[in-house]
Each structure stands twice: as C-alpha cells, then as structure tokens.
Amino acid sequence: MTTVSTLGDIALVAASLGADAIRAVIRSGELAVATKTSDSDFVTAADLAADDAIARAITAARPDDAIKSEESGRRAGTSGITWVVDPLDGTMNFVHHRDEYAVSVGVEQDGDYVAGAIVRPTSGAWIAAGDGVVRAREGRPGVTGTTDPEAAMFSVGLAGDADMRARMLDMIGDLLPIARDFRRSGSSACELADLAMGRVDVYLGFGVNDWDVAAGIAVVRAAGGRAEWVETESGLPLLAAGTPAVFDQFVERAAKV
C-alpha cells in the first residue's frame, strides 16, 4: 500500500504542475473568464488548465484512485483513496488581479484528510503534509502557541448568500471584543496555509466546500493545529481550524451563526 508520505509528495507535484498551468495561462493573456452558478462564481481558462494538469499527474501516479474536483466533478476509483482538488481557490481574486489564490490538492482516505499540498502560483510558496509531517518552501511550519484569545488574530471565509453574509458579519463583530483583529483573503487555501505557518491563530470558514479546505485540513493538523467541521445553529457547515489553546473559545461563538 502506498504510504501517506508518498501521497503527500504526489500532492505537491500535482499542485505544482497546476500552478505551472496557471502561470502559462497568465502569460498567454487568454483568461477566458466565465461564470457558473452566479455572477460572482467565476471559472477561467486557468482553473481548467490547472485542473487538467493536476488530473493527469494524479492519474499517472495513482490510476486506481478517485478524484473529486471543483471543476471536473468526480472520477470513480477502486483504491479507497480520493484526491480532493480545487485547481484555483480564490478565483475572484485571480479575476481581479489579486495575489491571494492557490492550488489545493488534498487526499482523503478512510474518511480523513491524510495528506495535501497548497501552492501559490504568484510567489511559488508551498506547504505540504503527509504521514503527520509538514514542510514548506519558506520557513518552518507550525501553528502559533497563542493561549489568550485577546492576542489571537482570526481569519474568515464567508458564504455567498447575502443574508448569511450579513449574519456572519454580525458574528465577526461579536468576536472582535475577545480577539486582537481579523483578516479575510478570499481564499480558504491561503488562509489555512497561513494558519499552518503561524501567521494567524484561527480560521473560520462558513459554507466552504471540501475541495476548498481538504489540503488545508491536512497541513494544519500536521502543523499541530485542530481542524474540525462544525454545524452552526442555522445548519450552515463551518470548517474551524486553529491553534489548540484558543480554538474552543472562537468556535463557541462562531457556531451561533
């Protein structure tokens, strides 16, 4: 059986090839921006090119595995391993020429995310995890040791529904008195990579999909953090992640949405 560390290596190779494909589309200037489910749900030539490059890499290395991708749907497999792929997380940022987007390739096995890699095409920065080990191109990964919520920086990912966004903004206002401050990049993959690198203390992703966070869950846990799915009072799925000492205080309030 392939080891988890090997899965992590494959995830990094696949995500890196996805990032290469995105950079190639940028150089061509042919972004081919279109929308999917709404006027703010974008897909571009870069998403599709990265998706194809990632799928080819995974298939070459692991032909019996399943693949679940935001852009190309699901391919069945027989191995019990599923690759959960967001070829370009943060497409709205990409469309608006912002740098906060990333390629996310996670690995699900036995109901858990056991490996993954996140690569940022603009800088080439990457973080990857497998077999409980996390490594990064720049610096040493590890969640912060923050123990006081008032010293904690939290980040958020917001669902698209306007009414739910308003409720989540109220929740942010409820959290601010117990926290140092908050940030929002518009990319769950980038936020979770930053958490695993100790740049924020907590991430609260409301209404996110599994392909947005699969790799991020793997790298955060390998970096010593907690990452758990929580159902809020309104039934909205919440992916909460953070440094262990302040995790519960933030989740308790965020779950009231």
Protein backbone atom coordinates (compact mmCIF):
# COMPACT_ATOMS: atom_id res chain seq x y z
CA MET A 1 0.00 0.00 0.00
CA THR A 2 1.25 3.48 -0.84
CA THR A 3 2.37 5.35 2.26
CA VAL A 4 0.86 8.64 3.31
CA SER A 5 4.20 10.40 2.86
CA THR A 6 4.23 9.31 -0.78
CA LEU A 7 0.72 10.66 -1.17
CA GLY A 8 1.96 13.98 0.17
CA ASP A 9 4.77 14.02 -2.36
CA ILE A 10 2.34 13.31 -5.19
CA ALA A 11 0.02 16.05 -3.94
CA LEU A 12 2.87 18.56 -4.05
CA VAL A 13 3.91 17.54 -7.55
CA ALA A 14 0.32 17.72 -8.80
CA ALA A 15 -0.32 21.11 -7.17
CA SER A 16 2.95 22.47 -8.54
CA LEU A 17 2.00 21.39 -12.05
CA GLY A 18 -1.36 23.08 -11.55
CA ALA A 19 0.44 26.27 -10.57
CA ASP A 20 2.63 25.98 -13.68
CA ALA A 21 -0.51 25.71 -15.81
CA ILE A 22 -1.99 28.83 -14.22
CA ARG A 23 1.17 30.82 -14.88
CA ALA A 24 1.14 29.64 -18.51
CA VAL A 25 -2.42 30.93 -18.96
CA ILE A 26 -1.45 34.27 -17.41
CA ARG A 27 1.45 34.59 -19.85
CA SER A 28 -0.87 33.83 -22.77
CA GLY A 29 -3.26 36.59 -21.74
CA GLU A 30 -6.25 34.41 -22.65
CA LEU A 31 -8.04 34.15 -19.31
CA ALA A 32 -11.48 33.34 -20.80
CA VAL A 33 -13.42 34.45 -17.72
CA ALA A 34 -16.94 32.97 -17.40
CA THR A 35 -19.47 32.46 -14.61
CA LYS A 36 -21.10 29.30 -13.26
CA THR A 37 -23.85 29.39 -10.65
CA SER A 38 -23.91 33.17 -10.12
CA ASP A 39 -22.35 36.43 -11.30
CA SER A 40 -19.70 36.09 -8.58
CA ASP A 41 -18.91 32.39 -9.18
CA PHE A 42 -16.13 32.52 -11.75
CA VAL A 43 -14.31 29.95 -13.83
CA THR A 44 -11.40 30.81 -16.09
CA ALA A 45 -9.05 29.14 -18.53
CA ALA A 46 -6.56 29.00 -15.67
CA ASP A 47 -8.94 26.94 -13.49
CA LEU A 48 -9.48 24.46 -16.31
CA ALA A 49 -5.83 24.24 -17.33
CA ALA A 50 -4.75 23.63 -13.74
CA ASP A 51 -7.50 21.05 -13.29
CA ASP A 52 -6.31 19.13 -16.34
CA ALA A 53 -2.65 19.23 -15.27
CA ILE A 54 -3.49 18.02 -11.77
CA ALA A 55 -5.73 15.19 -13.02
CA ARG A 56 -3.03 14.00 -15.42
CA ALA A 57 -0.41 13.94 -12.66
CA ILE A 58 -2.64 12.05 -10.24
CA THR A 59 -3.76 9.56 -12.87
CA ALA A 60 -0.19 8.87 -13.93
CA ALA A 61 0.90 8.19 -10.36
CA ARG A 62 -2.28 6.64 -8.93
CA PRO A 63 -4.57 5.33 -11.70
CA ASP A 64 -6.87 3.43 -9.32
CA ASP A 65 -7.67 6.42 -7.08
CA ALA A 66 -10.82 8.52 -7.23
CA ILE A 67 -10.66 12.24 -7.97
CA LYS A 68 -13.15 14.85 -6.78
CA SER A 69 -12.59 18.27 -8.32
CA GLU A 70 -14.49 21.54 -8.17
CA GLU A 71 -14.23 21.96 -11.93
CA SER A 72 -14.40 18.46 -13.42
CA GLY A 73 -16.56 16.63 -10.89
CA ARG A 74 -15.85 13.13 -9.65
CA ARG A 75 -14.00 10.19 -11.16
CA ALA A 76 -14.58 6.84 -9.53
CA GLY A 77 -11.75 4.77 -8.12
CA THR A 78 -11.18 1.39 -6.52
CA SER A 79 -8.34 2.04 -4.05
CA GLY A 80 -10.26 3.77 -1.25
CA ILE A 81 -8.28 6.97 -1.78
CA THR A 82 -9.87 10.15 -3.15
CA TRP A 83 -7.99 13.23 -4.33
CA VAL A 84 -9.97 16.35 -3.45
CA VAL A 85 -8.93 19.16 -5.76
CA ASP A 86 -9.50 22.87 -6.08
CA PRO A 87 -7.37 23.83 -9.08
CA LEU A 88 -7.66 27.54 -8.32
CA ASP A 89 -9.01 28.52 -4.91
CA GLY A 90 -9.70 32.25 -4.87
CA THR A 91 -10.80 32.66 -8.48
CA MET A 92 -12.47 36.01 -7.74
CA ASN A 93 -9.12 37.33 -6.53
CA PHE A 94 -7.48 35.93 -9.66
CA VAL A 95 -10.04 37.66 -11.89
CA HIS A 96 -9.42 40.94 -10.05
CA HIS A 97 -5.64 40.57 -10.42
CA ARG A 98 -5.03 39.99 -6.73
CA ASP A 99 -2.39 37.57 -5.47
CA GLU A 100 -4.46 35.70 -2.87
CA TYR A 101 -5.20 32.46 -4.69
CA ALA A 102 -3.75 28.97 -4.57
CA VAL A 103 -3.83 25.45 -5.94
CA SER A 104 -5.14 22.96 -3.37
CA VAL A 105 -4.72 19.18 -3.67
CA GLY A 106 -5.88 17.09 -0.71
CA VAL A 107 -6.03 13.34 -0.10
CA GLU A 108 -8.96 11.64 1.63
CA GLN A 109 -8.61 8.10 2.99
CA ASP A 110 -10.95 6.31 5.40
CA GLY A 111 -12.97 9.48 5.90
CA ASP A 112 -9.99 11.62 6.89
CA TYR A 113 -7.71 14.06 5.09
CA VAL A 114 -4.34 12.40 5.40
CA ALA A 115 -2.16 14.44 3.05
CA GLY A 116 -2.22 17.53 0.89
CA ALA A 117 -0.38 20.40 -0.70
CA ILE A 118 -1.12 24.07 -1.29
CA VAL A 119 0.89 26.06 -3.86
CA ARG A 120 0.63 29.79 -4.51
CA PRO A 121 1.36 30.46 -8.20
CA THR A 122 2.29 34.13 -7.75
CA SER A 123 5.14 33.53 -5.31
CA GLY A 124 5.85 29.82 -5.73
CA ALA A 125 5.39 29.34 -1.98
CA TRP A 126 4.13 25.91 -0.98
CA ILE A 127 3.25 23.86 2.05
CA ALA A 128 2.68 20.10 2.03
CA ALA A 129 1.78 17.41 4.55
CA GLY A 130 1.80 13.64 4.71
CA ASP A 131 2.36 10.97 7.34
CA GLY A 132 1.89 13.60 10.05
CA VAL A 133 4.85 15.62 8.76
CA VAL A 134 4.51 19.13 7.31
CA ARG A 135 7.09 21.03 5.30
CA ALA A 136 7.17 24.30 3.40
CA ARG A 137 9.30 26.10 0.87
CA GLU A 138 9.77 29.09 3.13
CA GLY A 139 10.20 28.80 6.89
CA ARG A 140 9.30 26.10 9.37
CA PRO A 141 5.57 25.28 9.60
CA GLY A 142 3.81 25.26 12.94
CA VAL A 143 0.72 26.82 14.45
CA THR A 144 1.17 29.59 16.98
CA GLY A 145 1.42 29.00 20.69
CA THR A 146 -1.15 31.68 21.45
CA THR A 147 -3.09 30.93 24.64
CA ASP A 148 -5.00 34.19 25.15
CA PRO A 149 -7.89 34.88 22.72
CA GLU A 150 -7.26 38.62 23.09
CA ALA A 151 -3.86 38.08 21.48
CA ALA A 152 -5.29 36.00 18.63
CA MET A 153 -5.72 37.00 15.01
CA PHE A 154 -8.54 35.14 13.27
CA SER A 155 -9.42 34.87 9.59
CA VAL A 156 -12.76 34.15 7.95
CA GLY A 157 -14.23 32.67 4.81
CA LEU A 158 -17.77 33.82 4.01
CA ALA A 159 -20.59 32.04 2.21
CA GLY A 160 -22.05 33.69 -0.88
CA ASP A 161 -25.65 34.16 0.26
CA ALA A 162 -26.24 37.85 1.06
CA ASP A 163 -28.44 37.25 4.12
CA MET A 164 -25.99 34.73 5.55
CA ARG A 165 -23.10 37.11 4.93
CA ALA A 166 -24.87 39.75 7.00
CA ARG A 167 -25.30 37.28 9.87
CA MET A 168 -21.65 36.27 9.64
CA LEU A 169 -20.55 39.90 9.74
CA ASP A 170 -22.54 40.23 12.97
CA MET A 171 -20.64 37.20 14.27
CA ILE A 172 -17.34 38.87 13.40
CA GLY A 173 -18.45 41.87 15.42
CA ASP A 174 -19.20 39.53 18.32
CA LEU A 175 -15.73 38.00 18.10
CA LEU A 176 -13.73 41.20 17.81
CA PRO A 177 -14.00 42.17 21.51
CA ILE A 178 -12.25 38.93 22.51
CA ALA A 179 -9.65 38.94 19.69
CA ARG A 180 -6.79 41.11 18.51
CA ASP A 181 -8.17 41.52 14.96
CA PHE A 182 -9.31 39.58 11.90
CA ARG A 183 -8.38 39.16 8.25
CA ARG A 184 -10.07 37.86 5.10
CA SER A 185 -8.09 36.97 1.99
CA GLY A 186 -10.86 35.41 -0.10
CA SER A 187 -9.08 32.04 -0.35
CA SER A 188 -9.59 29.28 2.20
CA ALA A 189 -6.46 27.50 0.98
CA CYS A 190 -4.34 30.60 1.53
CA GLU A 191 -5.87 31.17 4.97
CA LEU A 192 -5.22 27.60 6.10
CA ALA A 193 -1.67 27.69 4.77
CA ASP A 194 -1.11 30.90 6.75
CA LEU A 195 -2.54 29.24 9.86
CA ALA A 196 -0.17 26.31 9.47
CA MET A 197 2.72 28.77 9.10
CA GLY A 198 1.78 30.63 12.28
CA ARG A 199 0.58 33.83 10.57
CA VAL A 200 -2.94 33.68 12.05
CA ASP A 201 -4.30 31.81 15.04
CA VAL A 202 -7.80 30.72 13.95
CA TYR A 203 -9.67 30.22 10.67
CA LEU A 204 -13.47 30.15 10.43
CA GLY A 205 -14.75 29.05 7.02
CA PHE A 206 -18.52 29.35 6.65
CA GLY A 207 -20.23 27.42 3.85
CA VAL A 208 -16.94 26.26 2.35
CA ASN A 209 -16.70 23.13 0.22
CA ASP A 210 -14.44 20.17 0.90
CA TRP A 211 -12.24 20.95 -2.11
CA ASP A 212 -11.58 24.42 -0.63
CA VAL A 213 -10.15 23.01 2.60
CA ALA A 214 -9.08 19.37 2.12
CA ALA A 215 -5.37 20.10 1.74
CA GLY A 216 -5.57 22.84 4.36
CA ILE A 217 -7.00 20.49 6.96
CA ALA A 218 -4.11 18.09 6.39
CA VAL A 219 -1.41 20.76 6.69
CA VAL A 220 -2.98 22.44 9.73
CA ARG A 221 -3.25 19.17 11.65
CA ALA A 222 0.30 18.19 10.71
CA ALA A 223 1.44 21.63 11.93
CA GLY A 224 -0.05 20.94 15.37
CA GLY A 225 -3.43 22.63 14.94
CA ARG A 226 -7.03 21.50 15.20
CA ALA A 227 -9.37 21.41 12.21
CA GLU A 228 -12.96 20.26 12.57
CA TRP A 229 -16.30 20.51 10.79
CA VAL A 230 -18.91 22.20 12.96
CA GLU A 231 -22.63 22.63 12.29
CA THR A 232 -23.81 26.11 13.21
CA GLU A 233 -27.20 26.87 14.78
CA SER A 234 -28.57 27.75 11.33
CA GLY A 235 -27.29 24.48 9.85
CA LEU A 236 -24.52 26.15 7.87
CA PRO A 237 -21.38 23.99 7.69
CA LEU A 238 -18.36 25.60 9.31
CA LEU A 239 -14.76 24.48 8.95
CA ALA A 240 -13.00 25.71 12.07
CA ALA A 241 -9.25 25.44 12.45
CA GLY A 242 -6.76 26.92 14.85
CA THR A 243 -4.12 26.71 17.48
CA PRO A 244 -5.46 24.37 20.19
CA ALA A 245 -5.42 26.71 23.19
CA VAL A 246 -7.87 29.25 21.71
CA PHE A 247 -9.81 27.03 19.29
CA ASP A 248 -12.81 26.31 21.52
CA GLN A 249 -13.42 29.94 22.51
CA PHE A 250 -13.76 31.01 18.89
CA VAL A 251 -15.81 28.03 17.78
CA GLU A 252 -18.31 28.51 20.61
CA ARG A 253 -19.20 31.97 19.32
CA ALA A 254 -18.91 31.19 15.61
CA ALA A 255 -21.33 28.26 15.93
CA LYS A 256 -24.13 30.66 16.84
CA VAL A 257 -24.47 31.80 13.21
